[in-house]
Amino acid sequence: MSRVTLAQWQMLAAVVDHGGFARAAEVVHKSPSTLNHAVHKLEQQLGVKVLEPMGRQVRLTDAGELLLRRARQLIESAEALEDVAGRLSEGLEAEVVLSIDQIFPNDALAVALSRFSAAYPYVRVQLHETVLNGGIEMLYDGRADIAISGLAAQGFLGEPLVTVRFVAVAHHDHELHGLERQLDLRDLQRHRQLVVRDSALRQSMDAGWLKAEQRWTVSHLETSIDMVRRGLGFAWLPETRIYADLESGVLQPLPLAAGGVREVPMQMIFRDRDRAGPATRAMAQALKEAVASECASRM
């Protein structure tokens, strides 16, 4: 067990930061003799000289500089611990669990998490990137504080958040583009469709599959996007994820007679809005503001 107290390190740091005992005493509201005694006792306990006179002021010795650098980490950790304890005593959650469908705009998600982190740096975040029923299942099981999904959750009230636009696309060299005419369902069924697997464990569903002769099912949206970029099939992909590919011409919309564009309205659903803590509510607000900001930037 260390004989040197945290208070001694704090007083040493104050003396160094303010250039001497007199000025430090004014700032920390202690007498110069109290600070002097604390530092002198610290030196005795450690058997190391940490301060040396420099005119009317004092400065750290080489050993003192090394020790104080390490001690500041302890001081900062202690202050952070007290801050966390204070927030917890006010009802702040230690963790927020999010279940967000992979089609949610990733730029908006990044902005929301960044804002939340700045306001609640010590609250842990668990982010589950789900597909279709996966997020709703987490809500039913009580494993998510907030779910963002394009599906309704029975017994829960959601609020509209954003509408995600899907576009049927393929690589510009894909055979479907080579037909150079308007396409119908029969054309698509002769080619490989890429589908993202429902992440639900109990009641999974197929959404958007056209009963194509060739079907590849993947677990993550980014895998589907990568495969379409490589010309391995066609898929309906969120427009927000492929803006650059569409602008560069790497991916091109399929000239379908109907159904080439789909819109999925997404909603935010609380597990229990009335019992949601301040961090959960702040996360919800950050997500709404981020979506509004991203939509405005696209206009």
Protein backbone atom coordinates (compact mmCIF):
# COMPACT_ATOMS: atom_id res chain seq x y z
CA MET A 1 0.00 0.00 0.00
CA SER A 2 1.42 3.39 -1.01
CA ARG A 3 2.17 5.75 1.86
CA VAL A 4 1.86 8.81 -0.38
CA THR A 5 -1.70 10.11 -0.64
CA LEU A 6 -3.46 11.45 -3.70
CA ALA A 7 -3.82 14.78 -1.89
CA GLN A 8 -0.04 15.07 -1.61
CA TRP A 9 0.37 14.57 -5.35
CA GLN A 10 -2.36 17.13 -5.99
CA MET A 11 -0.59 19.69 -3.78
CA LEU A 12 2.74 19.05 -5.50
CA ALA A 13 1.07 19.55 -8.88
CA ALA A 14 -0.48 22.82 -7.66
CA VAL A 15 2.90 24.14 -6.47
CA VAL A 16 4.51 23.32 -9.81
CA ASP A 17 1.61 24.63 -11.92
CA HIS A 18 1.52 27.96 -10.07
CA GLY A 19 5.24 28.48 -9.67
CA GLY A 20 5.52 28.36 -5.90
CA PHE A 21 3.89 27.71 -2.55
CA ALA A 22 2.39 31.17 -2.00
CA ARG A 23 0.50 31.37 -5.31
CA ALA A 24 -0.58 27.72 -5.14
CA ALA A 25 -1.91 28.28 -1.61
CA GLU A 26 -4.18 31.06 -2.87
CA VAL A 27 -5.57 28.90 -5.67
CA VAL A 28 -6.23 25.72 -3.68
CA HIS A 29 -7.28 27.60 -0.53
CA LYS A 30 -4.66 26.13 1.76
CA SER A 31 -1.86 27.78 3.71
CA PRO A 32 1.67 27.82 2.24
CA SER A 33 2.88 25.93 5.29
CA THR A 34 0.36 23.14 4.64
CA LEU A 35 1.61 22.74 1.08
CA ASN A 36 5.23 22.91 2.17
CA HIS A 37 4.66 20.25 4.78
CA ALA A 38 2.83 17.96 2.35
CA VAL A 39 5.59 18.15 -0.28
CA HIS A 40 8.37 17.76 2.29
CA LYS A 41 6.65 14.68 3.73
CA LEU A 42 6.23 13.27 0.23
CA GLU A 43 9.96 13.61 -0.37
CA GLN A 44 10.69 11.88 2.91
CA GLN A 45 8.33 9.02 2.17
CA LEU A 46 9.74 8.47 -1.31
CA GLY A 47 13.35 9.14 -0.41
CA VAL A 48 13.61 11.36 -3.49
CA LYS A 49 14.02 15.11 -3.88
CA VAL A 50 11.23 16.35 -6.12
CA LEU A 51 11.62 20.16 -5.86
CA GLU A 52 14.60 22.48 -5.89
CA PRO A 53 14.76 26.26 -5.38
CA MET A 54 15.11 28.56 -8.37
CA GLY A 55 15.34 32.13 -7.12
CA ARG A 56 12.10 32.92 -5.32
CA GLN A 57 10.34 30.04 -7.00
CA VAL A 58 10.79 26.28 -7.14
CA ARG A 59 11.10 23.83 -9.98
CA LEU A 60 10.97 20.09 -10.40
CA THR A 61 14.08 17.98 -10.26
CA ASP A 62 14.56 15.41 -13.00
CA ALA A 63 13.20 12.74 -10.67
CA GLY A 64 10.34 15.00 -9.63
CA GLU A 65 9.39 15.62 -13.27
CA LEU A 66 9.18 11.88 -13.95
CA LEU A 67 7.17 11.18 -10.82
CA LEU A 68 4.76 14.05 -11.29
CA ARG A 69 4.12 13.04 -14.90
CA ARG A 70 2.98 9.64 -13.64
CA ALA A 71 1.09 11.20 -10.72
CA ARG A 72 -0.94 13.42 -13.03
CA GLN A 73 -2.39 10.27 -14.60
CA LEU A 74 -3.56 9.20 -11.14
CA ILE A 75 -5.03 12.64 -10.46
CA GLU A 76 -6.92 12.68 -13.77
CA SER A 77 -8.21 9.13 -13.19
CA ALA A 78 -9.42 10.04 -9.70
CA GLU A 79 -11.23 13.13 -11.02
CA ALA A 80 -12.84 11.06 -13.77
CA LEU A 81 -13.93 8.46 -11.22
CA GLU A 82 -15.55 11.11 -9.05
CA ASP A 83 -17.31 12.55 -12.10
CA VAL A 84 -18.69 9.14 -13.03
CA ALA A 85 -19.84 8.52 -9.46
CA GLY A 86 -21.57 11.89 -9.39
CA ARG A 87 -23.37 11.22 -12.65
CA LEU A 88 -24.43 7.75 -11.49
CA SER A 89 -25.82 9.23 -8.28
CA GLU A 90 -27.97 11.50 -10.45
CA GLY A 91 -29.44 8.49 -12.26
CA LEU A 92 -27.08 8.38 -15.25
CA GLU A 93 -26.83 4.99 -16.89
CA ALA A 94 -23.46 3.28 -17.08
CA GLU A 95 -24.26 1.95 -20.55
CA VAL A 96 -26.57 2.56 -23.51
CA VAL A 97 -27.41 -0.34 -25.83
CA LEU A 98 -28.35 0.51 -29.41
CA SER A 99 -29.87 -1.81 -31.99
CA ILE A 100 -29.58 -0.08 -35.36
CA ASP A 101 -30.42 -1.59 -38.71
CA GLN A 102 -27.44 -1.61 -41.07
CA ILE A 103 -29.35 0.46 -43.62
CA PHE A 104 -29.32 3.50 -41.29
CA PRO A 105 -27.09 6.24 -42.79
CA ASN A 106 -23.59 5.64 -41.42
CA ASP A 107 -22.59 9.31 -41.62
CA ALA A 108 -25.49 10.28 -39.37
CA LEU A 109 -24.63 7.48 -36.96
CA ALA A 110 -21.00 8.62 -36.72
CA VAL A 111 -22.05 12.23 -36.07
CA ALA A 112 -24.52 11.17 -33.38
CA LEU A 113 -21.98 8.98 -31.58
CA SER A 114 -19.39 11.74 -31.71
CA ARG A 115 -21.78 14.25 -30.15
CA PHE A 116 -22.86 11.77 -27.50
CA SER A 117 -19.25 10.95 -26.65
CA ALA A 118 -18.45 14.62 -26.10
CA ALA A 119 -21.35 15.01 -23.67
CA TYR A 120 -21.12 11.63 -21.94
CA PRO A 121 -17.51 10.43 -22.28
CA TYR A 122 -17.79 7.82 -19.52
CA VAL A 123 -21.01 6.13 -20.62
CA ARG A 124 -20.33 2.88 -22.45
CA VAL A 125 -22.10 2.30 -25.76
CA GLN A 126 -23.00 -1.10 -27.16
CA LEU A 127 -23.89 -0.84 -30.84
CA HIS A 128 -25.56 -3.84 -32.48
CA GLU A 129 -25.75 -3.54 -36.27
CA THR A 130 -28.81 -5.58 -37.09
CA VAL A 131 -30.76 -6.63 -40.18
CA LEU A 132 -34.57 -6.74 -40.53
CA ASN A 133 -36.11 -8.55 -37.51
CA GLY A 134 -32.84 -8.67 -35.61
CA GLY A 135 -33.28 -5.26 -34.04
CA ILE A 136 -36.94 -5.83 -33.20
CA GLU A 137 -36.04 -9.13 -31.57
CA MET A 138 -33.54 -7.36 -29.32
CA LEU A 139 -36.27 -4.91 -28.34
CA TYR A 140 -38.70 -7.72 -27.48
CA ASP A 141 -36.01 -9.44 -25.41
CA GLY A 142 -35.25 -6.25 -23.48
CA ARG A 143 -31.67 -6.25 -24.76
CA ALA A 144 -31.74 -2.82 -26.43
CA ASP A 145 -32.51 0.59 -24.94
CA ILE A 146 -33.18 2.08 -28.38
CA ALA A 147 -33.91 0.32 -31.67
CA ILE A 148 -33.87 1.94 -35.10
CA SER A 149 -35.63 -0.21 -37.66
CA GLY A 150 -37.63 -0.14 -40.84
CA LEU A 151 -40.05 -2.66 -39.32
CA ALA A 152 -42.83 -2.06 -36.82
CA ALA A 153 -42.53 -3.50 -33.33
CA GLN A 154 -45.78 -4.89 -31.97
CA GLY A 155 -46.63 -3.33 -28.61
CA PHE A 156 -44.22 -0.42 -29.05
CA LEU A 157 -44.70 3.11 -30.33
CA GLY A 158 -41.99 4.41 -32.64
CA GLU A 159 -41.34 7.87 -33.99
CA PRO A 160 -40.38 8.55 -37.63
CA LEU A 161 -36.67 9.22 -38.01
CA VAL A 162 -35.55 8.99 -41.64
CA THR A 163 -36.61 7.41 -44.92
CA VAL A 164 -33.90 5.36 -46.60
CA ARG A 165 -34.03 5.17 -50.39
CA PHE A 166 -32.90 1.88 -51.99
CA VAL A 167 -31.79 1.67 -55.61
CA ALA A 168 -31.48 -1.50 -57.70
CA VAL A 169 -27.92 -1.40 -59.02
CA ALA A 170 -25.21 -3.47 -60.66
CA HIS A 171 -21.65 -2.86 -61.82
CA HIS A 172 -21.55 -0.90 -65.07
CA ASP A 173 -20.09 -3.97 -66.88
CA HIS A 174 -22.79 -6.34 -65.60
CA GLU A 175 -24.70 -8.37 -68.19
CA LEU A 176 -27.99 -6.75 -67.20
CA HIS A 177 -26.69 -3.37 -68.39
CA GLY A 178 -25.48 -5.04 -71.57
CA LEU A 179 -29.07 -5.83 -72.55
CA GLU A 180 -29.51 -2.10 -73.24
CA ARG A 181 -33.26 -2.12 -72.72
CA GLN A 182 -35.84 -1.82 -70.02
CA LEU A 183 -35.72 -4.77 -67.62
CA ASP A 184 -38.46 -6.80 -66.01
CA LEU A 185 -38.68 -9.45 -63.30
CA ARG A 186 -37.80 -12.30 -65.68
CA ASP A 187 -34.52 -10.59 -66.58
CA LEU A 188 -33.53 -10.29 -62.92
CA GLN A 189 -34.43 -13.88 -62.09
CA ARG A 190 -31.78 -15.13 -64.53
CA HIS A 191 -28.98 -13.41 -62.62
CA ARG A 192 -27.42 -13.55 -59.18
CA GLN A 193 -29.08 -11.45 -56.50
CA LEU A 194 -27.19 -10.44 -53.37
CA VAL A 195 -29.26 -10.46 -50.18
CA VAL A 196 -28.37 -9.55 -46.61
CA ARG A 197 -29.32 -12.19 -44.03
CA ASP A 198 -31.86 -11.35 -41.32
CA SER A 199 -29.95 -11.16 -38.03
CA ALA A 200 -32.90 -12.37 -35.94
CA LEU A 201 -32.28 -15.68 -34.17
CA ARG A 202 -35.91 -16.83 -33.96
CA GLN A 203 -38.10 -15.27 -36.67
CA SER A 204 -35.96 -14.37 -39.63
CA MET A 205 -37.48 -13.21 -42.88
CA ASP A 206 -36.58 -12.80 -46.53
CA ALA A 207 -37.10 -9.26 -47.79
CA GLY A 208 -36.61 -8.23 -51.38
CA TRP A 209 -35.60 -11.64 -52.75
CA LEU A 210 -37.00 -12.13 -56.23
CA LYS A 211 -36.49 -15.90 -56.34
CA ALA A 212 -33.53 -15.41 -58.62
CA GLU A 213 -31.93 -18.62 -59.89
CA GLN A 214 -28.70 -17.64 -58.16
CA ARG A 215 -28.81 -16.16 -54.69
CA TRP A 216 -25.93 -15.24 -52.42
CA THR A 217 -26.81 -14.36 -48.84
CA VAL A 218 -24.34 -12.39 -46.71
CA SER A 219 -24.39 -11.19 -43.12
CA HIS A 220 -23.44 -7.55 -43.55
CA LEU A 221 -24.55 -4.78 -45.86
CA GLU A 222 -20.97 -3.71 -46.59
CA THR A 223 -20.20 -7.21 -47.90
CA SER A 224 -23.12 -6.97 -50.30
CA ILE A 225 -21.96 -3.55 -51.51
CA ASP A 226 -18.43 -4.83 -52.05
CA MET A 227 -19.65 -7.80 -54.07
CA VAL A 228 -21.83 -5.62 -56.28
CA ARG A 229 -18.83 -3.36 -56.89
CA ARG A 230 -16.91 -6.44 -58.02
CA GLY A 231 -19.62 -7.36 -60.52
CA LEU A 232 -20.70 -10.49 -58.65
CA GLY A 233 -24.40 -9.73 -58.73
CA PHE A 234 -27.11 -7.11 -58.43
CA ALA A 235 -28.84 -5.77 -55.32
CA TRP A 236 -31.04 -3.07 -53.92
CA LEU A 237 -28.66 -0.88 -51.91
CA PRO A 238 -29.19 2.19 -49.72
CA GLU A 239 -28.48 5.27 -51.81
CA THR A 240 -26.65 6.92 -48.90
CA ARG A 241 -24.03 4.14 -48.97
CA ILE A 242 -23.30 4.29 -52.70
CA TYR A 243 -23.39 8.00 -53.60
CA ALA A 244 -19.76 7.99 -54.69
CA ASP A 245 -20.17 4.81 -56.74
CA LEU A 246 -23.20 6.21 -58.56
CA GLU A 247 -21.50 9.52 -59.27
CA SER A 248 -18.35 7.83 -60.59
CA GLY A 249 -20.38 5.37 -62.68
CA VAL A 250 -18.88 2.28 -61.05
CA LEU A 251 -22.42 1.27 -60.12
CA GLN A 252 -25.39 2.11 -62.30
CA PRO A 253 -29.12 1.88 -61.57
CA LEU A 254 -30.84 -0.98 -63.33
CA PRO A 255 -33.37 0.28 -65.95
CA LEU A 256 -36.35 -1.51 -64.42
CA ALA A 257 -39.85 -0.98 -65.73
CA ALA A 258 -41.04 -0.82 -62.12
CA GLY A 259 -39.63 -1.24 -58.64
CA GLY A 260 -36.17 0.13 -59.31
CA VAL A 261 -36.42 2.39 -56.29
CA ARG A 262 -37.75 1.43 -52.87
CA GLU A 263 -38.21 3.65 -49.85
CA VAL A 264 -38.02 2.33 -46.30
CA PRO A 265 -39.24 4.63 -43.51
CA MET A 266 -37.20 4.04 -40.38
CA GLN A 267 -38.38 4.73 -36.88
CA MET A 268 -36.80 5.09 -33.46
CA ILE A 269 -38.26 2.88 -30.76
CA PHE A 270 -37.50 3.08 -27.02
CA ARG A 271 -37.62 -0.05 -24.93
CA ASP A 272 -39.35 2.07 -22.27
CA ARG A 273 -39.48 5.79 -22.97
CA ASP A 274 -40.81 6.69 -19.52
CA ARG A 275 -37.98 4.90 -17.74
CA ALA A 276 -35.24 5.95 -20.13
CA GLY A 277 -32.35 7.60 -18.32
CA PRO A 278 -30.64 10.86 -19.27
CA ALA A 279 -27.95 9.17 -21.37
CA THR A 280 -30.47 7.15 -23.36
CA ARG A 281 -32.54 10.27 -24.01
CA ALA A 282 -29.42 12.19 -25.00
CA MET A 283 -28.47 9.44 -27.44
CA ALA A 284 -31.94 9.58 -29.02
CA GLN A 285 -31.68 13.34 -29.37
CA ALA A 286 -28.21 13.08 -30.90
CA LEU A 287 -29.50 10.60 -33.48
CA LYS A 288 -32.43 12.85 -34.43
CA GLU A 289 -30.23 15.93 -34.74
CA ALA A 290 -27.63 14.04 -36.79
CA VAL A 291 -30.26 12.77 -39.22
CA ALA A 292 -31.71 16.27 -39.61
CA SER A 293 -28.24 17.68 -40.24
CA GLU A 294 -27.33 15.01 -42.80
CA CYS A 295 -30.63 15.45 -44.64
CA ALA A 296 -30.12 19.21 -44.78
CA SER A 297 -26.62 18.78 -46.20
CA ARG A 298 -27.97 16.55 -49.00
CA MET A 299 -30.46 19.22 -50.14
